[in-house]
C-alpha atoms as a PDB file:
ATOM      1  CA  UNK A   1       0.000   0.000   0.000  1.00  0.00           C
ATOM      2  CA  UNK A   2       2.782   2.442   0.907  1.00  0.00           C
ATOM      3  CA  UNK A   3       4.403   1.907  -2.494  1.00  0.00           C
ATOM      4  CA  UNK A   4       1.113   2.798  -4.196  1.00  0.00           C
ATOM      5  CA  UNK A   5       0.956   6.045  -2.241  1.00  0.00           C
ATOM      6  CA  UNK A   6       4.516   6.927  -3.234  1.00  0.00           C
ATOM      7  CA  UNK A   7       3.739   6.239  -6.896  1.00  0.00           C
ATOM      8  CA  UNK A   8       0.527   8.277  -6.750  1.00  0.00           C
ATOM      9  CA  UNK A   9       2.428  11.172  -5.186  1.00  0.00           C
ATOM     10  CA  UNK A  10       5.140  11.008  -7.849  1.00  0.00           C
ATOM     11  CA  UNK A  11       2.514  11.119 -10.593  1.00  0.00           C
ATOM     12  CA  UNK A  12       0.580  13.932  -8.895  1.00  0.00           C
ATOM     13  CA  UNK A  13       3.737  16.043  -8.626  1.00  0.00           C
ATOM     14  CA  UNK A  14       4.137  15.816 -12.403  1.00  0.00           C
ATOM     15  CA  UNK A  15       0.830  17.645 -12.891  1.00  0.00           C
ATOM     16  CA  UNK A  16       0.787  21.369 -13.740  1.00  0.00           C
ATOM     17  CA  UNK A  17       0.344  23.708 -10.741  1.00  0.00           C
ATOM     18  CA  UNK A  18      -3.355  24.345 -11.391  1.00  0.00           C
ATOM     19  CA  UNK A  19      -4.114  20.622 -11.520  1.00  0.00           C
ATOM     20  CA  UNK A  20      -2.104  19.985  -8.338  1.00  0.00           C
ATOM     21  CA  UNK A  21      -4.033  22.753  -6.575  1.00  0.00           C
ATOM     22  CA  UNK A  22      -7.352  21.295  -7.703  1.00  0.00           C
ATOM     23  CA  UNK A  23      -6.281  17.830  -6.573  1.00  0.00           C
ATOM     24  CA  UNK A  24      -5.141  19.163  -3.200  1.00  0.00           C
ATOM     25  CA  UNK A  25      -8.448  20.971  -2.730  1.00  0.00           C
ATOM     26  CA  UNK A  26     -10.415  17.858  -3.590  1.00  0.00           C
ATOM     27  CA  UNK A  27      -8.367  15.769  -1.170  1.00  0.00           C
ATOM     28  CA  UNK A  28      -8.850  18.318   1.615  1.00  0.00           C
ATOM     29  CA  UNK A  29     -12.580  18.466   0.926  1.00  0.00           C
ATOM     30  CA  UNK A  30     -12.742  14.689   1.211  1.00  0.00           C
ATOM     31  CA  UNK A  31     -11.607  14.963   4.840  1.00  0.00           C
ATOM     32  CA  UNK A  32     -14.639  17.024   5.860  1.00  0.00           C
ATOM     33  CA  UNK A  33     -17.276  14.639   7.130  1.00  0.00           C
ATOM     34  CA  UNK A  34     -19.764  17.332   8.053  1.00  0.00           C
ATOM     35  CA  UNK A  35     -20.645  20.508   6.236  1.00  0.00           C
ATOM     36  CA  UNK A  36     -21.322  23.731   8.115  1.00  0.00           C
ATOM     37  CA  UNK A  37     -24.008  25.295   5.920  1.00  0.00           C
ATOM     38  CA  UNK A  38     -23.589  28.720   7.578  1.00  0.00           C
ATOM     39  CA  UNK A  39     -19.842  28.698   6.935  1.00  0.00           C
ATOM     40  CA  UNK A  40     -20.355  27.572   3.338  1.00  0.00           C
ATOM     41  CA  UNK A  41     -22.862  30.373   2.825  1.00  0.00           C
ATOM     42  CA  UNK A  42     -20.521  32.946   4.334  1.00  0.00           C
ATOM     43  CA  UNK A  43     -17.620  31.800   2.131  1.00  0.00           C
ATOM     44  CA  UNK A  44     -19.812  31.911  -0.958  1.00  0.00           C
ATOM     45  CA  UNK A  45     -20.857  35.491  -0.148  1.00  0.00           C
ATOM     46  CA  UNK A  46     -17.206  36.444   0.420  1.00  0.00           C
ATOM     47  CA  UNK A  47     -16.143  34.965  -2.918  1.00  0.00           C
ATOM     48  CA  UNK A  48     -18.954  36.758  -4.751  1.00  0.00           C
ATOM     49  CA  UNK A  49     -17.991  40.074  -3.100  1.00  0.00           C
ATOM     50  CA  UNK A  50     -14.303  39.659  -3.967  1.00  0.00           C
ATOM     51  CA  UNK A  51     -15.066  38.721  -7.582  1.00  0.00           C
ATOM     52  CA  UNK A  52     -17.244  41.807  -7.875  1.00  0.00           C
ATOM     53  CA  UNK A  53     -14.430  43.983  -6.481  1.00  0.00           C
ATOM     54  CA  UNK A  54     -12.044  42.479  -9.032  1.00  0.00           C
ATOM     55  CA  UNK A  55     -14.484  43.015 -11.909  1.00  0.00           C
ATOM     56  CA  UNK A  56     -14.997  46.642 -10.858  1.00  0.00           C
ATOM     57  CA  UNK A  57     -11.241  47.271 -10.592  1.00  0.00           C
ATOM     58  CA  UNK A  58     -11.463  48.121  -6.887  1.00  0.00           C
ATOM     59  CA  UNK A  59      -8.539  45.889  -5.923  1.00  0.00           C
ATOM     60  CA  UNK A  60      -4.972  45.571  -7.126  1.00  0.00           C
ATOM     61  CA  UNK A  61      -4.143  42.016  -8.120  1.00  0.00           C
ATOM     62  CA  UNK A  62      -0.650  40.576  -7.925  1.00  0.00           C
ATOM     63  CA  UNK A  63       0.736  37.315  -9.298  1.00  0.00           C
ATOM     64  CA  UNK A  64       0.804  34.333  -6.917  1.00  0.00           C
ATOM     65  CA  UNK A  65       4.611  34.150  -7.088  1.00  0.00           C
ATOM     66  CA  UNK A  66       4.830  37.722  -5.773  1.00  0.00           C
ATOM     67  CA  UNK A  67       2.235  37.087  -3.053  1.00  0.00           C
ATOM     68  CA  UNK A  68       4.053  33.945  -1.970  1.00  0.00           C
ATOM     69  CA  UNK A  69       7.344  35.865  -1.768  1.00  0.00           C
ATOM     70  CA  UNK A  70       5.690  38.569   0.344  1.00  0.00           C
ATOM     71  CA  UNK A  71       4.200  35.977   2.674  1.00  0.00           C
ATOM     72  CA  UNK A  72       7.601  34.342   3.061  1.00  0.00           C
ATOM     73  CA  UNK A  73       9.088  37.746   3.854  1.00  0.00           C
ATOM     74  CA  UNK A  74      11.360  37.871   0.844  1.00  0.00           C
END
């Protein structure tokens, strides 16, 4: 079984970044046994608000690589 996990990981790491992110999100979601409907609703509202701000040009977007560097303090 452990060998299978290692092989799956090796194959997953060959995926492009977007696919790896989607896979990671799906795996994390699979760990949630219960769904907090209020939290889901709040997150959905937050996403809608942020997308609207982006569409209206109210926020300055930066590339992920730059954001990651800022978070790491570089």
